[in-house]
């Protein structure tokens, strides 16, 4: 039972870490690979039945799982830690705002309909819809999460929408992390177990993942 719990925590934390990586790449480089954020958008719009494997697909979270191991064993990226902490904080505040949660639920349903219409969950219209949803809900709760990067990339409307969609997917992952028993205590006392679970998942994946 504990191994299953650590696996779920590893996957949900990996989704959050992967979202942070994508945000940083878009902010500093102006782009990130669709294969990195596709599983995150699928996790944001998909139905969670208690199994992060089914929601995200472990293979798609391989980069995030590697980052989980790095962060839990080395703590070498302070910026990633800052982003993750801020996302956890946003999620905690959101859980206390049922009216905002309801609005997000409605917005996600609209985004699902757009994804069905365009036949691509990462279509720019879907991403823009999610970005606007973030602006109308999470951003309005204040204070806003400060994203650092190159101004020319941050001011690009498509990049801004993607960053907001990624932050929303990170908040979703943070919520699922908490639901699987994750929290500050888990990061302190279960870090070795979560890192080990991440390594075990990575071992089971194809080498190219």
N, C-alpha and C. Protein backbone atom coordinates (compact mmCIF):
# COMPACT_ATOMS: atom_id res chain seq x y z
N UNK A 1 0.83 -1.20 0.00
CA UNK A 1 0.00 0.00 0.00
C UNK A 1 0.87 1.25 0.00
N UNK A 2 1.92 1.26 0.83
CA UNK A 2 2.79 2.42 0.90
C UNK A 2 3.51 2.65 -0.42
N UNK A 3 3.93 1.54 -1.08
CA UNK A 3 4.62 1.68 -2.35
C UNK A 3 3.71 2.34 -3.39
N UNK A 4 2.43 1.96 -3.37
CA UNK A 4 1.47 2.56 -4.29
C UNK A 4 1.29 4.04 -3.99
N UNK A 5 1.27 4.40 -2.68
CA UNK A 5 1.13 5.80 -2.29
C UNK A 5 2.33 6.61 -2.77
N UNK A 6 3.53 6.08 -2.60
CA UNK A 6 4.73 6.80 -3.02
C UNK A 6 4.78 6.93 -4.53
N UNK A 7 4.26 5.93 -5.24
CA UNK A 7 4.22 6.00 -6.69
C UNK A 7 3.30 7.14 -7.14
N UNK A 8 2.13 7.24 -6.52
CA UNK A 8 1.20 8.30 -6.84
C UNK A 8 1.80 9.67 -6.52
N UNK A 9 2.46 9.75 -5.39
CA UNK A 9 3.10 11.02 -5.01
C UNK A 9 4.22 11.37 -5.97
N UNK A 10 4.97 10.37 -6.40
CA UNK A 10 6.06 10.61 -7.35
C UNK A 10 5.52 11.15 -8.67
N UNK A 11 4.44 10.57 -9.16
CA UNK A 11 3.88 10.98 -10.45
C UNK A 11 3.25 12.36 -10.39
N UNK A 12 2.52 12.65 -9.33
CA UNK A 12 1.89 13.97 -9.24
C UNK A 12 2.95 15.06 -9.02
N UNK A 13 3.98 14.75 -8.23
CA UNK A 13 5.05 15.72 -8.05
C UNK A 13 5.83 15.89 -9.36
N UNK A 14 5.97 14.82 -10.12
CA UNK A 14 6.64 14.89 -11.42
C UNK A 14 5.87 15.80 -12.37
N UNK A 15 4.54 15.72 -12.35
CA UNK A 15 3.73 16.57 -13.21
C UNK A 15 3.95 18.04 -12.85
N UNK A 16 4.04 18.32 -11.57
CA UNK A 16 4.29 19.70 -11.14
C UNK A 16 5.67 20.16 -11.59
N UNK A 17 6.67 19.32 -11.40
CA UNK A 17 8.04 19.66 -11.78
C UNK A 17 8.17 19.86 -13.30
N UNK A 18 7.44 19.05 -14.05
CA UNK A 18 7.49 19.18 -15.51
C UNK A 18 6.82 20.48 -15.96
N UNK A 19 5.75 20.86 -15.26
CA UNK A 19 5.09 22.13 -15.56
C UNK A 19 6.04 23.30 -15.30
N UNK A 20 6.78 23.22 -14.20
CA UNK A 20 7.75 24.27 -13.87
C UNK A 20 8.83 24.35 -14.94
N UNK A 21 9.32 23.20 -15.37
CA UNK A 21 10.35 23.19 -16.42
C UNK A 21 9.84 23.87 -17.69
N UNK A 22 8.62 23.53 -18.09
CA UNK A 22 8.05 24.12 -19.31
C UNK A 22 7.87 25.63 -19.17
N UNK A 23 7.41 26.07 -18.00
CA UNK A 23 7.24 27.50 -17.76
C UNK A 23 8.57 28.22 -17.92
N UNK A 24 9.61 27.68 -17.34
CA UNK A 24 10.93 28.30 -17.40
C UNK A 24 11.45 28.34 -18.85
N UNK A 25 11.23 27.26 -19.60
CA UNK A 25 11.70 27.22 -20.98
C UNK A 25 10.98 28.25 -21.84
N UNK A 26 9.67 28.35 -21.68
CA UNK A 26 8.92 29.34 -22.46
C UNK A 26 9.34 30.75 -22.08
N UNK A 27 9.53 30.98 -20.79
CA UNK A 27 9.87 32.32 -20.30
C UNK A 27 11.26 32.76 -20.75
N UNK A 28 12.20 31.84 -20.80
CA UNK A 28 13.58 32.22 -21.13
C UNK A 28 13.96 31.95 -22.58
N UNK A 29 13.31 30.95 -23.22
CA UNK A 29 13.68 30.57 -24.57
C UNK A 29 12.59 30.84 -25.61
N UNK A 30 11.38 31.13 -25.14
CA UNK A 30 10.29 31.41 -26.06
C UNK A 30 9.59 30.19 -26.60
N UNK A 31 9.97 29.01 -26.13
CA UNK A 31 9.35 27.78 -26.62
C UNK A 31 9.62 26.63 -25.66
N UNK A 32 8.80 25.59 -25.78
CA UNK A 32 9.04 24.33 -25.11
C UNK A 32 8.40 23.25 -25.97
N UNK A 33 8.81 22.02 -25.81
CA UNK A 33 8.31 20.95 -26.66
C UNK A 33 6.89 20.56 -26.29
N UNK A 34 6.06 20.36 -27.30
CA UNK A 34 4.67 19.97 -27.05
C UNK A 34 4.58 18.62 -26.33
N UNK A 35 5.55 17.74 -26.59
CA UNK A 35 5.50 16.43 -25.93
C UNK A 35 5.72 16.55 -24.42
N UNK A 36 6.30 17.66 -23.98
CA UNK A 36 6.49 17.87 -22.55
C UNK A 36 5.22 18.36 -21.87
N UNK A 37 4.47 19.23 -22.56
CA UNK A 37 3.29 19.77 -21.89
C UNK A 37 1.98 19.09 -22.29
N UNK A 38 2.00 18.25 -23.33
CA UNK A 38 0.78 17.53 -23.70
C UNK A 38 0.23 16.70 -22.54
N UNK A 39 1.06 15.87 -21.86
CA UNK A 39 0.50 15.09 -20.74
C UNK A 39 -0.01 15.97 -19.60
N UNK A 40 0.55 17.17 -19.45
CA UNK A 40 0.10 18.07 -18.40
C UNK A 40 -1.28 18.63 -18.71
N UNK A 41 -1.52 18.98 -19.98
CA UNK A 41 -2.83 19.47 -20.39
C UNK A 41 -3.85 18.32 -20.33
N UNK A 42 -3.41 17.12 -20.70
CA UNK A 42 -4.29 15.95 -20.59
C UNK A 42 -4.67 15.72 -19.13
N UNK A 43 -3.71 15.91 -18.24
CA UNK A 43 -4.00 15.75 -16.82
C UNK A 43 -4.91 16.83 -16.28
N UNK A 44 -4.80 18.02 -16.85
CA UNK A 44 -5.63 19.14 -16.42
C UNK A 44 -7.08 18.95 -16.87
N UNK A 45 -7.27 18.46 -18.08
CA UNK A 45 -8.61 18.32 -18.64
C UNK A 45 -9.20 16.93 -18.44
N UNK A 46 -8.37 15.97 -18.07
CA UNK A 46 -8.84 14.60 -17.91
C UNK A 46 -9.57 14.37 -16.60
N UNK A 47 -10.22 13.22 -16.49
CA UNK A 47 -10.94 12.84 -15.28
C UNK A 47 -10.04 12.01 -14.38
N UNK A 48 -9.88 12.45 -13.15
CA UNK A 48 -9.03 11.75 -12.20
C UNK A 48 -9.85 10.71 -11.45
N UNK A 49 -9.41 9.46 -11.51
CA UNK A 49 -10.12 8.36 -10.84
C UNK A 49 -9.31 7.78 -9.70
N UNK A 50 -8.30 8.53 -9.26
CA UNK A 50 -7.47 8.05 -8.15
C UNK A 50 -6.16 7.43 -8.60
N UNK A 51 -5.90 7.42 -9.91
CA UNK A 51 -4.67 6.83 -10.43
C UNK A 51 -3.98 7.82 -11.37
N UNK A 52 -2.86 8.36 -10.93
CA UNK A 52 -2.12 9.33 -11.74
C UNK A 52 -1.56 8.71 -13.01
N UNK A 53 -1.30 7.40 -12.98
CA UNK A 53 -0.82 6.70 -14.18
C UNK A 53 -1.85 6.85 -15.30
N UNK A 54 -3.10 6.61 -14.97
CA UNK A 54 -4.15 6.69 -15.98
C UNK A 54 -4.38 8.12 -16.44
N UNK A 55 -4.20 9.07 -15.54
CA UNK A 55 -4.46 10.46 -15.88
C UNK A 55 -3.38 11.05 -16.77
N UNK A 56 -2.12 10.83 -16.41
CA UNK A 56 -1.01 11.44 -17.13
C UNK A 56 -0.29 10.48 -18.09
N UNK A 57 -0.14 9.24 -17.65
CA UNK A 57 0.74 8.32 -18.37
C UNK A 57 2.15 8.51 -17.89
N UNK A 58 2.73 7.50 -17.27
CA UNK A 58 4.04 7.65 -16.65
C UNK A 58 5.14 7.97 -17.66
N UNK A 59 5.02 7.45 -18.89
CA UNK A 59 6.08 7.70 -19.89
C UNK A 59 6.19 9.18 -20.23
N UNK A 60 5.05 9.85 -20.31
CA UNK A 60 5.06 11.27 -20.64
C UNK A 60 5.63 12.14 -19.55
N UNK A 61 5.73 11.59 -18.33
CA UNK A 61 6.24 12.35 -17.19
C UNK A 61 7.70 12.01 -16.87
N UNK A 62 8.37 11.30 -17.76
CA UNK A 62 9.77 10.92 -17.51
C UNK A 62 10.66 12.11 -17.17
N UNK A 63 10.59 13.23 -17.92
CA UNK A 63 11.44 14.39 -17.56
C UNK A 63 11.13 14.91 -16.16
N UNK A 64 9.84 14.94 -15.81
CA UNK A 64 9.46 15.40 -14.48
C UNK A 64 9.94 14.46 -13.39
N UNK A 65 9.90 13.17 -13.65
CA UNK A 65 10.37 12.18 -12.68
C UNK A 65 11.87 12.33 -12.44
N UNK A 66 12.62 12.61 -13.49
CA UNK A 66 14.07 12.84 -13.32
C UNK A 66 14.30 14.08 -12.48
N UNK A 67 13.50 15.11 -12.68
CA UNK A 67 13.65 16.34 -11.91
C UNK A 67 13.27 16.10 -10.44
N UNK A 68 12.29 15.25 -10.20
CA UNK A 68 11.92 14.90 -8.81
C UNK A 68 13.11 14.30 -8.10
N UNK A 69 13.77 13.36 -8.76
CA UNK A 69 14.96 12.72 -8.16
C UNK A 69 16.03 13.75 -7.88
N UNK A 70 16.29 14.61 -8.85
CA UNK A 70 17.32 15.65 -8.68
C UNK A 70 16.99 16.58 -7.52
N UNK A 71 15.75 17.03 -7.46
CA UNK A 71 15.36 17.99 -6.43
C UNK A 71 15.35 17.36 -5.03
N UNK A 72 14.88 16.14 -4.93
CA UNK A 72 14.78 15.50 -3.62
C UNK A 72 16.13 15.00 -3.11
N UNK A 73 17.03 14.67 -4.02
CA UNK A 73 18.32 14.13 -3.59
C UNK A 73 19.42 15.19 -3.55
N UNK A 74 19.31 16.21 -4.41
CA UNK A 74 20.39 17.20 -4.48
C UNK A 74 19.98 18.61 -4.10
N UNK A 75 18.68 18.93 -4.28
CA UNK A 75 18.18 20.29 -4.02
C UNK A 75 19.06 21.35 -4.70
N UNK A 76 19.36 21.11 -5.98
CA UNK A 76 20.34 21.98 -6.63
C UNK A 76 19.73 23.11 -7.45
N UNK A 77 18.41 23.15 -7.58
CA UNK A 77 17.78 24.19 -8.39
C UNK A 77 16.84 25.01 -7.52
N UNK A 78 17.35 26.12 -7.01
CA UNK A 78 16.56 26.95 -6.10
C UNK A 78 15.36 27.57 -6.81
N UNK A 79 15.49 27.88 -8.10
CA UNK A 79 14.39 28.51 -8.82
C UNK A 79 13.22 27.54 -8.98
N UNK A 80 13.54 26.28 -9.27
CA UNK A 80 12.49 25.26 -9.37
C UNK A 80 11.78 25.10 -8.04
N UNK A 81 12.55 25.11 -6.96
CA UNK A 81 11.96 25.02 -5.62
C UNK A 81 11.04 26.20 -5.35
N UNK A 82 11.44 27.39 -5.77
CA UNK A 82 10.61 28.59 -5.57
C UNK A 82 9.29 28.48 -6.33
N UNK A 83 9.37 28.08 -7.60
CA UNK A 83 8.16 27.93 -8.39
C UNK A 83 7.22 26.89 -7.75
N UNK A 84 7.79 25.75 -7.38
CA UNK A 84 6.97 24.67 -6.80
C UNK A 84 6.29 25.14 -5.52
N UNK A 85 7.04 25.84 -4.66
CA UNK A 85 6.48 26.33 -3.40
C UNK A 85 5.35 27.31 -3.66
N UNK A 86 5.52 28.19 -4.64
CA UNK A 86 4.48 29.16 -4.97
C UNK A 86 3.23 28.49 -5.53
N UNK A 87 3.43 27.45 -6.33
CA UNK A 87 2.28 26.71 -6.88
C UNK A 87 1.53 25.99 -5.78
N UNK A 88 2.27 25.38 -4.85
CA UNK A 88 1.62 24.74 -3.70
C UNK A 88 0.80 25.76 -2.91
N UNK A 89 1.35 26.95 -2.75
CA UNK A 89 0.67 28.00 -2.00
C UNK A 89 -0.61 28.44 -2.72
N UNK A 90 -0.53 28.59 -4.04
CA UNK A 90 -1.71 28.97 -4.82
C UNK A 90 -2.80 27.91 -4.69
N UNK A 91 -2.40 26.65 -4.73
CA UNK A 91 -3.37 25.56 -4.62
C UNK A 91 -4.07 25.59 -3.27
N UNK A 92 -3.32 25.84 -2.21
CA UNK A 92 -3.91 25.90 -0.87
C UNK A 92 -4.92 27.03 -0.77
N UNK A 93 -4.59 28.17 -1.35
CA UNK A 93 -5.51 29.31 -1.33
C UNK A 93 -6.75 29.02 -2.17
N UNK A 94 -6.56 28.36 -3.29
CA UNK A 94 -7.67 28.04 -4.18
C UNK A 94 -8.68 27.13 -3.49
N UNK A 95 -8.19 26.17 -2.70
CA UNK A 95 -9.08 25.23 -2.03
C UNK A 95 -10.01 25.92 -1.03
N UNK A 96 -9.66 27.13 -0.64
CA UNK A 96 -10.49 27.89 0.30
C UNK A 96 -11.47 28.81 -0.42
N UNK A 97 -11.48 28.74 -1.76
CA UNK A 97 -12.34 29.63 -2.56
C UNK A 97 -13.27 28.79 -3.45
N UNK A 98 -14.33 28.23 -2.89
CA UNK A 98 -15.23 27.36 -3.67
C UNK A 98 -15.82 28.04 -4.90
N UNK A 99 -16.06 29.36 -4.83
CA UNK A 99 -16.63 30.06 -5.97
C UNK A 99 -15.64 30.12 -7.13
N UNK A 100 -14.35 30.22 -6.80
CA UNK A 100 -13.31 30.23 -7.84
C UNK A 100 -13.16 28.82 -8.41
N UNK A 101 -13.22 27.83 -7.56
CA UNK A 101 -13.15 26.43 -8.01
C UNK A 101 -14.28 26.12 -8.98
N UNK A 102 -15.46 26.62 -8.67
CA UNK A 102 -16.61 26.38 -9.54
C UNK A 102 -16.40 27.03 -10.91
N UNK A 103 -15.86 28.24 -10.90
CA UNK A 103 -15.61 28.94 -12.16
C UNK A 103 -14.55 28.22 -12.98
N UNK A 104 -13.54 27.68 -12.30
CA UNK A 104 -12.50 26.92 -13.00
C UNK A 104 -13.10 25.66 -13.61
N UNK A 105 -13.97 24.99 -12.86
CA UNK A 105 -14.62 23.79 -13.38
C UNK A 105 -15.39 24.06 -14.66
N UNK A 106 -16.11 25.18 -14.68
CA UNK A 106 -16.86 25.56 -15.87
C UNK A 106 -15.91 25.87 -17.03
N UNK A 107 -14.82 26.56 -16.73
CA UNK A 107 -13.86 26.91 -17.77
C UNK A 107 -13.16 25.70 -18.35
N UNK A 108 -12.86 24.73 -17.51
CA UNK A 108 -12.22 23.50 -17.99
C UNK A 108 -13.16 22.72 -18.91
N UNK A 109 -14.44 22.74 -18.60
CA UNK A 109 -15.40 22.06 -19.46
C UNK A 109 -15.45 22.72 -20.83
N UNK A 110 -15.39 24.03 -20.86
CA UNK A 110 -15.36 24.75 -22.14
C UNK A 110 -14.09 24.41 -22.92
N UNK A 111 -12.97 24.30 -22.20
CA UNK A 111 -11.71 23.94 -22.85
C UNK A 111 -11.77 22.53 -23.42
N UNK A 112 -12.44 21.62 -22.72
CA UNK A 112 -12.60 20.25 -23.22
C UNK A 112 -13.40 20.26 -24.53
N UNK A 113 -14.43 21.06 -24.56
CA UNK A 113 -15.25 21.15 -25.77
C UNK A 113 -14.44 21.69 -26.94
N UNK A 114 -13.57 22.67 -26.68
CA UNK A 114 -12.71 23.20 -27.73
C UNK A 114 -11.71 22.15 -28.20
N UNK A 115 -11.17 21.38 -27.25
CA UNK A 115 -10.22 20.32 -27.61
C UNK A 115 -10.90 19.28 -28.50
N UNK A 116 -12.15 18.96 -28.19
CA UNK A 116 -12.90 18.00 -29.02
C UNK A 116 -13.15 18.59 -30.40
N UNK A 117 -13.48 19.88 -30.45
CA UNK A 117 -13.79 20.53 -31.72
C UNK A 117 -12.56 20.57 -32.63
N UNK A 118 -11.41 20.96 -32.08
CA UNK A 118 -10.20 21.10 -32.89
C UNK A 118 -9.44 19.78 -33.02
N UNK A 119 -9.81 18.79 -32.25
CA UNK A 119 -9.18 17.48 -32.35
C UNK A 119 -7.75 17.44 -31.83
N UNK A 120 -7.38 18.42 -31.00
CA UNK A 120 -6.02 18.47 -30.47
C UNK A 120 -6.05 19.19 -29.12
N UNK A 121 -5.67 18.48 -28.09
CA UNK A 121 -5.73 19.04 -26.75
C UNK A 121 -4.72 20.17 -26.55
N UNK A 122 -3.72 20.25 -27.43
CA UNK A 122 -2.72 21.32 -27.32
C UNK A 122 -2.92 22.39 -28.39
N UNK A 123 -4.07 22.39 -29.04
CA UNK A 123 -4.35 23.43 -30.06
C UNK A 123 -4.27 24.80 -29.40
N UNK A 124 -3.79 25.78 -30.14
CA UNK A 124 -3.57 27.12 -29.59
C UNK A 124 -4.86 27.71 -29.01
N UNK A 125 -6.02 27.40 -29.61
CA UNK A 125 -7.28 27.91 -29.08
C UNK A 125 -7.60 27.33 -27.71
N UNK A 126 -7.21 26.07 -27.50
CA UNK A 126 -7.40 25.42 -26.20
C UNK A 126 -6.47 26.06 -25.17
N UNK A 127 -5.21 26.25 -25.57
CA UNK A 127 -4.23 26.86 -24.67
C UNK A 127 -4.63 28.28 -24.31
N UNK A 128 -5.11 29.04 -25.29
CA UNK A 128 -5.54 30.41 -25.02
C UNK A 128 -6.74 30.42 -24.07
N UNK A 129 -7.63 29.46 -24.24
CA UNK A 129 -8.79 29.36 -23.36
C UNK A 129 -8.36 29.09 -21.93
N UNK A 130 -7.39 28.20 -21.75
CA UNK A 130 -6.89 27.88 -20.42
C UNK A 130 -6.11 29.06 -19.83
N UNK A 131 -5.37 29.75 -20.67
CA UNK A 131 -4.64 30.91 -20.20
C UNK A 131 -5.58 32.00 -19.71
N UNK A 132 -6.66 32.21 -20.45
CA UNK A 132 -7.65 33.21 -20.06
C UNK A 132 -8.35 32.79 -18.77
N UNK A 133 -8.59 31.50 -18.63
CA UNK A 133 -9.22 30.99 -17.41
C UNK A 133 -8.34 31.26 -16.20
N UNK A 134 -7.05 31.05 -16.35
CA UNK A 134 -6.11 31.34 -15.27
C UNK A 134 -6.17 32.83 -14.90
N UNK A 135 -6.18 33.67 -15.91
CA UNK A 135 -6.20 35.13 -15.67
C UNK A 135 -7.47 35.55 -14.93
N UNK A 136 -8.60 34.91 -15.26
CA UNK A 136 -9.88 35.31 -14.68
C UNK A 136 -10.12 34.70 -13.30
N UNK A 137 -9.28 33.75 -12.91
CA UNK A 137 -9.51 33.07 -11.63
C UNK A 137 -8.29 33.18 -10.70
N UNK A 138 -7.26 32.46 -11.00
CA UNK A 138 -6.08 32.42 -10.13
C UNK A 138 -5.44 33.80 -10.00
N UNK A 139 -5.28 34.49 -11.11
CA UNK A 139 -4.64 35.81 -11.07
C UNK A 139 -5.45 36.80 -10.24
N UNK A 140 -6.76 36.63 -10.25
CA UNK A 140 -7.62 37.55 -9.53
C UNK A 140 -7.57 37.35 -8.01
N UNK A 141 -7.06 36.20 -7.57
CA UNK A 141 -6.97 35.95 -6.12
C UNK A 141 -5.86 36.78 -5.50
N UNK A 142 -4.80 37.06 -6.27
CA UNK A 142 -3.67 37.87 -5.82
C UNK A 142 -3.05 37.34 -4.53
N UNK A 143 -1.78 37.63 -4.25
CA UNK A 143 -0.84 38.24 -5.19
C UNK A 143 -0.44 37.23 -6.29
N UNK A 144 -0.06 37.74 -7.43
CA UNK A 144 0.24 36.89 -8.57
C UNK A 144 1.61 36.25 -8.45
N UNK A 145 1.74 35.07 -9.07
CA UNK A 145 3.03 34.39 -9.12
C UNK A 145 3.90 35.11 -10.14
N UNK A 146 5.08 35.50 -9.73
CA UNK A 146 6.00 36.23 -10.59
C UNK A 146 6.81 35.26 -11.43
N UNK A 147 6.66 35.35 -12.75
CA UNK A 147 7.41 34.50 -13.67
C UNK A 147 8.58 35.31 -14.21
N UNK A 148 9.77 34.79 -14.03
CA UNK A 148 10.97 35.46 -14.51
C UNK A 148 11.37 34.91 -15.88
N UNK A 149 11.89 35.78 -16.74
CA UNK A 149 12.31 35.34 -18.06
C UNK A 149 12.68 36.53 -18.92
N UNK A 150 12.82 36.28 -20.21
CA UNK A 150 13.13 37.34 -21.17
C UNK A 150 11.84 38.09 -21.51
N UNK A 151 11.89 39.40 -21.44
CA UNK A 151 10.70 40.22 -21.61
C UNK A 151 10.02 39.98 -22.96
N UNK A 152 10.81 39.81 -24.01
CA UNK A 152 10.23 39.62 -25.34
C UNK A 152 9.40 38.34 -25.41
N UNK A 153 9.81 37.32 -24.66
CA UNK A 153 9.06 36.07 -24.65
C UNK A 153 7.82 36.18 -23.76
N UNK A 154 7.98 36.87 -22.63
CA UNK A 154 6.87 37.02 -21.70
C UNK A 154 5.76 37.88 -22.29
N UNK A 155 6.12 38.84 -23.15
CA UNK A 155 5.13 39.75 -23.73
C UNK A 155 4.42 39.15 -24.94
N UNK A 156 4.93 38.03 -25.45
CA UNK A 156 4.27 37.35 -26.57
C UNK A 156 2.97 36.71 -26.06
N UNK A 157 1.86 37.02 -26.70
CA UNK A 157 0.55 36.59 -26.19
C UNK A 157 0.40 35.07 -26.16
N UNK A 158 0.93 34.37 -27.17
CA UNK A 158 0.83 32.92 -27.19
C UNK A 158 1.67 32.31 -26.06
N UNK A 159 2.85 32.87 -25.84
CA UNK A 159 3.70 32.39 -24.75
C UNK A 159 3.04 32.64 -23.40
N UNK A 160 2.46 33.82 -23.24
CA UNK A 160 1.80 34.16 -21.98
C UNK A 160 0.65 33.21 -21.70
N UNK A 161 -0.12 32.87 -22.74
CA UNK A 161 -1.24 31.94 -22.57
C UNK A 161 -0.73 30.56 -22.18
N UNK A 162 0.35 30.11 -22.82
CA UNK A 162 0.89 28.80 -22.50
C UNK A 162 1.43 28.76 -21.07
N UNK A 163 2.12 29.80 -20.67
CA UNK A 163 2.64 29.85 -19.30
C UNK A 163 1.50 29.75 -18.29
N UNK A 164 0.43 30.49 -18.53
CA UNK A 164 -0.71 30.45 -17.60
C UNK A 164 -1.38 29.09 -17.60
N UNK A 165 -1.49 28.47 -18.78
CA UNK A 165 -2.07 27.13 -18.85
C UNK A 165 -1.20 26.13 -18.10
N UNK A 166 0.11 26.29 -18.22
CA UNK A 166 1.04 25.40 -17.52
C UNK A 166 0.96 25.59 -16.01
N UNK A 167 0.81 26.83 -15.56
CA UNK A 167 0.67 27.09 -14.13
C UNK A 167 -0.62 26.47 -13.61
N UNK A 168 -1.68 26.53 -14.42
CA UNK A 168 -2.94 25.91 -14.02
C UNK A 168 -2.79 24.39 -13.91
N UNK A 169 -2.03 23.81 -14.84
CA UNK A 169 -1.79 22.37 -14.79
C UNK A 169 -0.92 22.03 -13.58
N UNK A 170 -0.01 22.94 -13.21
CA UNK A 170 0.80 22.73 -12.02
C UNK A 170 -0.04 22.74 -10.75
N UNK A 171 -1.03 23.64 -10.70
CA UNK A 171 -1.94 23.71 -9.56
C UNK A 171 -2.77 22.43 -9.48
N UNK A 172 -3.19 21.93 -10.62
CA UNK A 172 -3.92 20.65 -10.66
C UNK A 172 -3.05 19.54 -10.10
N UNK A 173 -1.80 19.49 -10.51
CA UNK A 173 -0.88 18.47 -10.00
C UNK A 173 -0.66 18.61 -8.51
N UNK A 174 -0.56 19.85 -8.03
CA UNK A 174 -0.39 20.09 -6.60
C UNK A 174 -1.59 19.59 -5.81
N UNK A 175 -2.78 19.76 -6.39
CA UNK A 175 -3.99 19.28 -5.74
C UNK A 175 -4.00 17.75 -5.65
N UNK A 176 -3.58 17.10 -6.73
CA UNK A 176 -3.54 15.63 -6.74
C UNK A 176 -2.43 15.11 -5.83
N UNK A 177 -1.33 15.85 -5.74
CA UNK A 177 -0.25 15.51 -4.80
C UNK A 177 -0.79 15.51 -3.37
N UNK A 178 -1.53 16.54 -3.04
CA UNK A 178 -2.11 16.63 -1.70
C UNK A 178 -3.12 15.51 -1.47
N UNK A 179 -3.91 15.21 -2.51
CA UNK A 179 -4.93 14.17 -2.41
C UNK A 179 -4.30 12.79 -2.19
N UNK A 180 -3.09 12.60 -2.69
CA UNK A 180 -2.41 11.31 -2.54
C UNK A 180 -1.61 11.23 -1.25
N UNK A 181 -1.79 12.21 -0.38
CA UNK A 181 -1.11 12.20 0.91
C UNK A 181 0.14 13.04 0.96
N UNK A 182 0.41 13.77 -0.12
CA UNK A 182 1.59 14.63 -0.16
C UNK A 182 1.40 15.89 0.65
N UNK A 183 2.50 16.52 1.00
CA UNK A 183 2.47 17.75 1.78
C UNK A 183 3.87 18.07 2.26
N UNK A 184 3.99 19.09 3.05
CA UNK A 184 5.30 19.51 3.54
C UNK A 184 5.96 18.39 4.36
N UNK A 185 5.17 17.69 5.16
CA UNK A 185 5.71 16.61 5.98
C UNK A 185 6.26 15.49 5.10
N UNK A 186 5.52 15.18 4.02
CA UNK A 186 5.96 14.13 3.10
C UNK A 186 7.28 14.50 2.44
N UNK A 187 7.44 15.77 2.09
CA UNK A 187 8.68 16.21 1.46
C UNK A 187 9.86 16.12 2.43
N UNK A 188 9.57 16.23 3.72
CA UNK A 188 10.64 16.16 4.72
C UNK A 188 10.98 14.72 5.07
N UNK A 189 9.96 13.94 5.38
CA UNK A 189 10.19 12.60 5.91
C UNK A 189 10.10 11.47 4.89
N UNK A 190 9.49 11.72 3.73
CA UNK A 190 9.32 10.65 2.75
C UNK A 190 10.09 10.91 1.46
N UNK A 191 10.98 11.88 1.48
CA UNK A 191 11.68 12.24 0.25
C UNK A 191 12.45 11.07 -0.35
N UNK A 192 13.09 10.24 0.49
CA UNK A 192 13.84 9.10 -0.04
C UNK A 192 12.91 8.09 -0.69
N UNK A 193 11.75 7.87 -0.08
CA UNK A 193 10.79 6.92 -0.63
C UNK A 193 10.23 7.43 -1.97
N UNK A 194 9.95 8.73 -2.05
CA UNK A 194 9.41 9.30 -3.27
C UNK A 194 10.46 9.29 -4.38
N UNK A 195 11.70 9.60 -4.03
CA UNK A 195 12.79 9.56 -5.01
C UNK A 195 12.99 8.13 -5.51
N UNK A 196 12.92 7.16 -4.59
CA UNK A 196 13.08 5.75 -4.98
C UNK A 196 11.94 5.31 -5.90
N UNK A 197 10.72 5.73 -5.57
CA UNK A 197 9.58 5.39 -6.42
C UNK A 197 9.75 6.00 -7.81
N UNK A 198 10.27 7.22 -7.87
CA UNK A 198 10.51 7.87 -9.16
C UNK A 198 11.53 7.08 -9.98
N UNK A 199 12.58 6.63 -9.32
CA UNK A 199 13.61 5.84 -10.02
C UNK A 199 13.02 4.52 -10.54
N UNK A 200 12.18 3.89 -9.73
CA UNK A 200 11.58 2.62 -10.14
C UNK A 200 10.68 2.81 -11.35
N UNK A 201 9.93 3.89 -11.38
CA UNK A 201 9.07 4.17 -12.54
C UNK A 201 9.94 4.40 -13.77
N UNK A 202 11.01 5.17 -13.62
CA UNK A 202 11.90 5.46 -14.75
C UNK A 202 12.53 4.18 -15.29
N UNK A 203 12.88 3.25 -14.41
CA UNK A 203 13.48 1.99 -14.84
C UNK A 203 12.53 1.16 -15.70
N UNK A 204 11.23 1.34 -15.44
CA UNK A 204 10.22 0.53 -16.14
C UNK A 204 9.87 1.13 -17.51
N UNK A 205 10.35 2.34 -17.80
CA UNK A 205 9.99 3.02 -19.04
C UNK A 205 10.97 2.71 -20.16
N UNK A 206 10.54 2.89 -21.42
CA UNK A 206 11.48 2.72 -22.54
C UNK A 206 12.65 3.68 -22.39
N UNK A 207 13.81 3.31 -22.92
CA UNK A 207 15.01 4.11 -22.75
C UNK A 207 14.88 5.52 -23.32
N UNK A 208 14.08 5.66 -24.39
CA UNK A 208 13.97 6.97 -25.04
C UNK A 208 13.01 7.89 -24.30
N UNK A 209 12.33 7.42 -23.29
CA UNK A 209 11.36 8.25 -22.58
C UNK A 209 12.07 9.35 -21.81
